[in-house]
N, C-alpha and C. Protein backbone atom coordinates (compact mmCIF):
# COMPACT_ATOMS: atom_id res chain seq x y z
N MET A 1 87.10 84.70 129.12
CA MET A 1 86.77 83.54 128.87
C MET A 1 88.20 83.09 130.21
N ASP A 2 88.05 82.00 130.20
CA ASP A 2 89.03 81.37 131.06
C ASP A 2 89.91 80.66 130.25
N GLY A 3 91.41 80.15 130.38
CA GLY A 3 92.11 79.46 129.32
C GLY A 3 91.54 78.76 128.45
N LYS A 4 91.00 77.57 129.10
CA LYS A 4 90.28 76.15 128.24
C LYS A 4 89.35 76.98 127.58
N THR A 5 88.54 78.17 127.58
CA THR A 5 88.19 78.71 126.45
C THR A 5 88.30 79.43 125.64
N ASN A 6 89.57 80.21 125.53
CA ASN A 6 90.37 80.10 124.89
C ASN A 6 91.02 79.70 123.43
N LEU A 7 91.56 77.70 124.06
CA LEU A 7 92.00 76.72 123.39
C LEU A 7 90.62 76.40 122.53
N VAL A 8 89.62 76.82 122.82
CA VAL A 8 88.85 75.57 122.46
C VAL A 8 87.92 76.60 120.96
N ALA A 9 88.36 78.35 121.53
CA ALA A 9 88.36 79.41 120.16
C ALA A 9 88.86 78.72 119.50
N ALA A 10 90.53 78.69 119.62
CA ALA A 10 91.27 78.70 118.29
C ALA A 10 91.62 77.51 117.55
N SER A 11 90.53 76.51 118.27
CA SER A 11 90.42 75.25 117.39
C SER A 11 89.06 74.54 116.97
N LYS A 12 89.69 73.67 115.93
CA LYS A 12 88.42 73.49 114.95
C LYS A 12 87.33 71.85 115.40
N LYS A 13 88.23 71.03 116.13
CA LYS A 13 87.42 69.90 117.04
C LYS A 13 87.92 70.67 118.49
N TYR A 14 86.94 70.07 119.40
CA TYR A 14 87.57 69.66 120.62
C TYR A 14 86.54 68.62 121.68
N SER A 15 87.64 67.88 122.15
CA SER A 15 87.09 66.66 122.69
C SER A 15 87.83 67.17 124.15
N ARG A 16 86.95 66.50 124.90
CA ARG A 16 86.54 66.05 126.56
C ARG A 16 86.76 65.31 127.43
N TYR A 17 87.77 65.00 127.75
CA TYR A 17 87.72 63.18 127.59
C TYR A 17 87.25 63.31 129.20
N ARG A 18 86.73 61.57 129.78
CA ARG A 18 85.91 62.04 131.17
C ARG A 18 85.05 62.78 131.20
N SER A 19 83.68 63.35 130.86
CA SER A 19 83.15 64.00 129.94
C SER A 19 81.81 64.35 131.36
N GLY A 20 82.06 63.60 133.04
CA GLY A 20 81.45 64.06 133.57
C GLY A 20 81.25 65.34 133.74
N SER A 21 81.26 66.40 133.29
CA SER A 21 81.20 67.23 133.07
C SER A 21 80.43 68.21 132.08
N SER A 22 78.84 67.53 131.72
CA SER A 22 78.65 67.58 130.41
C SER A 22 77.84 68.47 129.68
N ASP A 23 77.51 69.54 131.77
CA ASP A 23 77.11 70.91 131.63
C ASP A 23 78.14 72.42 130.31
N TYR A 24 79.31 71.83 131.15
CA TYR A 24 80.44 72.39 130.57
C TYR A 24 80.74 72.38 129.19
N LEU A 25 80.42 71.12 127.93
CA LEU A 25 80.69 70.84 127.12
C LEU A 25 79.24 71.47 126.44
N ALA A 26 77.88 71.34 127.32
CA ALA A 26 77.38 72.07 126.16
C ALA A 26 77.26 73.65 126.42
N MET A 27 77.79 73.37 127.27
CA MET A 27 77.85 75.15 126.78
C MET A 27 79.35 75.77 125.86
N LEU A 28 79.90 75.02 125.68
CA LEU A 28 81.28 75.34 124.72
C LEU A 28 80.29 75.04 123.55
N ALA A 29 79.62 74.17 123.43
CA ALA A 29 78.97 73.85 122.32
C ALA A 29 78.08 74.84 121.63
N ASN A 30 77.20 75.77 122.73
CA ASN A 30 76.67 77.05 122.81
C ASN A 30 77.33 78.00 121.92
N GLN A 31 78.04 78.53 122.77
CA GLN A 31 79.13 79.50 122.48
C GLN A 31 79.90 79.52 121.08
N PHE A 32 80.47 78.37 121.17
CA PHE A 32 81.29 77.76 119.86
C PHE A 32 80.50 77.21 119.05
N GLN A 33 79.63 77.49 118.04
CA GLN A 33 78.89 76.82 117.23
C GLN A 33 79.75 76.13 115.97
N GLU A 34 80.39 76.38 115.55
CA GLU A 34 81.10 75.92 114.13
C GLU A 34 81.70 75.43 114.61
N LYS A 35 82.11 74.97 116.32
CA LYS A 35 82.80 73.85 116.77
C LYS A 35 82.68 72.48 117.01
N THR A 36 83.40 71.45 116.78
CA THR A 36 82.84 70.21 116.68
C THR A 36 83.17 69.91 118.14
N VAL A 37 81.99 69.05 119.24
CA VAL A 37 82.34 69.12 120.83
C VAL A 37 82.33 67.64 121.28
N GLN A 38 82.88 66.72 121.18
CA GLN A 38 82.93 65.64 121.77
C GLN A 38 83.33 65.57 123.40
N GLY A 39 82.45 64.51 124.37
CA GLY A 39 82.58 64.34 125.69
C GLY A 39 83.08 62.65 125.46
N ILE A 40 84.08 62.02 126.43
CA ILE A 40 84.19 60.68 126.21
C ILE A 40 84.44 60.20 127.23
N GLU A 41 83.35 59.07 127.95
CA GLU A 41 82.64 59.11 129.18
C GLU A 41 83.16 57.60 129.21
N LYS A 42 83.52 57.27 130.77
CA LYS A 42 83.56 55.04 130.89
C LYS A 42 82.49 55.10 131.09
N LEU A 43 81.45 55.60 131.78
CA LEU A 43 80.34 54.99 132.32
C LEU A 43 78.88 55.00 131.27
N PRO A 44 78.55 53.97 130.94
CA PRO A 44 77.96 54.06 129.89
C PRO A 44 76.60 54.67 130.22
N LEU A 45 75.89 54.45 131.11
CA LEU A 45 74.80 55.80 132.09
C LEU A 45 74.92 56.77 131.47
N SER A 46 75.76 57.49 132.41
CA SER A 46 76.26 58.51 132.09
C SER A 46 76.20 59.26 130.13
N VAL A 47 77.37 58.37 129.40
CA VAL A 47 77.28 58.69 128.16
C VAL A 47 75.79 58.86 127.50
N LYS A 48 75.02 57.78 128.47
CA LYS A 48 73.53 57.63 127.53
C LYS A 48 72.92 59.27 128.26
N GLN A 49 73.01 59.17 129.19
CA GLN A 49 72.44 60.46 129.55
C GLN A 49 72.57 62.06 129.50
N ALA A 50 73.96 61.91 128.92
CA ALA A 50 74.58 62.91 128.54
C ALA A 50 74.09 63.26 126.30
N ASN A 51 73.86 62.09 126.07
CA ASN A 51 73.63 62.88 124.66
C ASN A 51 71.64 62.47 124.93
N GLU A 52 71.05 61.81 125.92
CA GLU A 52 69.71 62.59 125.84
C GLU A 52 69.34 63.83 126.02
N ARG A 53 70.09 64.44 126.86
CA ARG A 53 69.99 65.88 127.35
C ARG A 53 70.14 66.96 126.86
N TYR A 54 71.44 66.47 125.81
CA TYR A 54 72.72 67.79 125.43
C TYR A 54 72.61 67.48 123.66
N ALA A 55 72.84 66.39 123.78
CA ALA A 55 73.48 65.36 121.84
C ALA A 55 72.30 66.94 121.02
N LYS A 56 73.48 67.02 120.16
CA LYS A 56 73.24 67.43 118.50
C LYS A 56 73.84 67.45 117.73
N GLU A 57 73.15 68.27 116.81
CA GLU A 57 74.77 68.13 115.36
C GLU A 57 76.30 68.37 115.80
N LYS A 58 76.55 68.95 117.08
CA LYS A 58 78.39 69.27 116.51
C LYS A 58 77.87 69.10 118.09
N LEU A 59 77.35 68.60 119.09
CA LEU A 59 78.02 68.28 119.78
C LEU A 59 77.12 66.62 120.71
N ASN A 60 78.68 65.90 121.06
CA ASN A 60 77.75 64.50 121.32
C ASN A 60 79.31 63.75 122.25
N PHE A 61 78.63 62.77 123.50
CA PHE A 61 78.96 62.25 124.02
C PHE A 61 79.47 60.47 123.51
N GLN A 62 80.67 59.85 123.41
CA GLN A 62 81.04 58.34 123.25
C GLN A 62 81.23 57.36 124.57
N GLU A 63 81.19 56.39 124.47
CA GLU A 63 82.11 55.87 126.06
C GLU A 63 83.23 55.50 125.29
N GLY A 64 84.03 55.84 126.88
CA GLY A 64 85.45 55.46 126.26
C GLY A 64 85.95 55.15 127.67
N ASP A 65 87.56 55.77 127.47
CA ASP A 65 88.41 55.37 128.33
C ASP A 65 89.48 56.29 128.83
N ALA A 66 89.77 57.42 129.19
CA ALA A 66 90.99 58.13 128.98
C ALA A 66 92.46 57.34 128.99
N LYS A 67 92.42 56.26 130.12
CA LYS A 67 93.07 56.11 130.34
C LYS A 67 94.04 54.86 129.34
N VAL A 68 92.83 54.59 128.37
CA VAL A 68 93.34 53.47 128.46
C VAL A 68 93.63 54.27 126.19
N PHE A 69 94.76 54.15 125.56
CA PHE A 69 94.53 54.06 123.98
C PHE A 69 93.90 54.02 122.92
N ASN A 70 93.47 54.16 122.32
CA ASN A 70 92.38 54.57 121.04
C ASN A 70 93.07 55.11 119.91
N ASN A 71 93.38 53.97 119.20
CA ASN A 71 94.08 54.55 118.01
C ASN A 71 93.00 55.22 116.95
N GLN A 72 92.03 54.90 117.45
CA GLN A 72 91.05 55.28 116.93
C GLN A 72 90.90 57.09 117.03
N LEU A 73 91.47 57.80 118.47
CA LEU A 73 91.29 59.07 118.39
C LEU A 73 92.58 59.73 118.25
N LEU A 74 93.31 58.75 118.20
CA LEU A 74 94.85 59.48 117.72
C LEU A 74 94.68 60.58 116.37
N ASN A 75 94.79 61.99 116.49
CA ASN A 75 94.71 63.50 115.76
C ASN A 75 93.71 63.30 115.41
N SER A 76 92.48 63.55 116.04
CA SER A 76 90.88 63.41 116.20
C SER A 76 90.39 64.52 116.20
N ALA A 77 90.96 65.55 116.93
CA ALA A 77 90.87 66.90 117.93
C ALA A 77 92.10 67.77 117.75
N GLU A 78 91.79 68.54 118.18
CA GLU A 78 92.73 69.87 117.73
C GLU A 78 92.91 71.01 119.25
N ALA A 79 92.06 70.55 120.14
CA ALA A 79 92.10 70.55 121.43
C ALA A 79 91.32 69.63 122.62
N VAL A 80 92.45 69.25 123.87
CA VAL A 80 91.92 68.39 124.39
C VAL A 80 92.48 68.24 125.90
N ILE A 81 91.20 68.65 126.41
CA ILE A 81 91.56 69.03 127.89
C ILE A 81 90.81 67.44 128.45
N LEU A 82 91.53 67.16 129.87
CA LEU A 82 91.77 65.86 130.42
C LEU A 82 91.50 66.24 132.22
């Protein structure tokens, strides 16, 4: 496992901002099925496509911008990878 995967294994919830890499998040969700994985992406079409292709109970994608502070996300994950 690489460093990112080890970090996820130790965490309860994993968020990735700019989730253009939805394939990677889907792989993590499959590998760590007890974890919740959330992707945050700026482009609405990318969010829609990722949710249509990969979303399941503990994997979802939402629209957002990693460069803009969002108080709702404060303390919402144990591991965050940009």
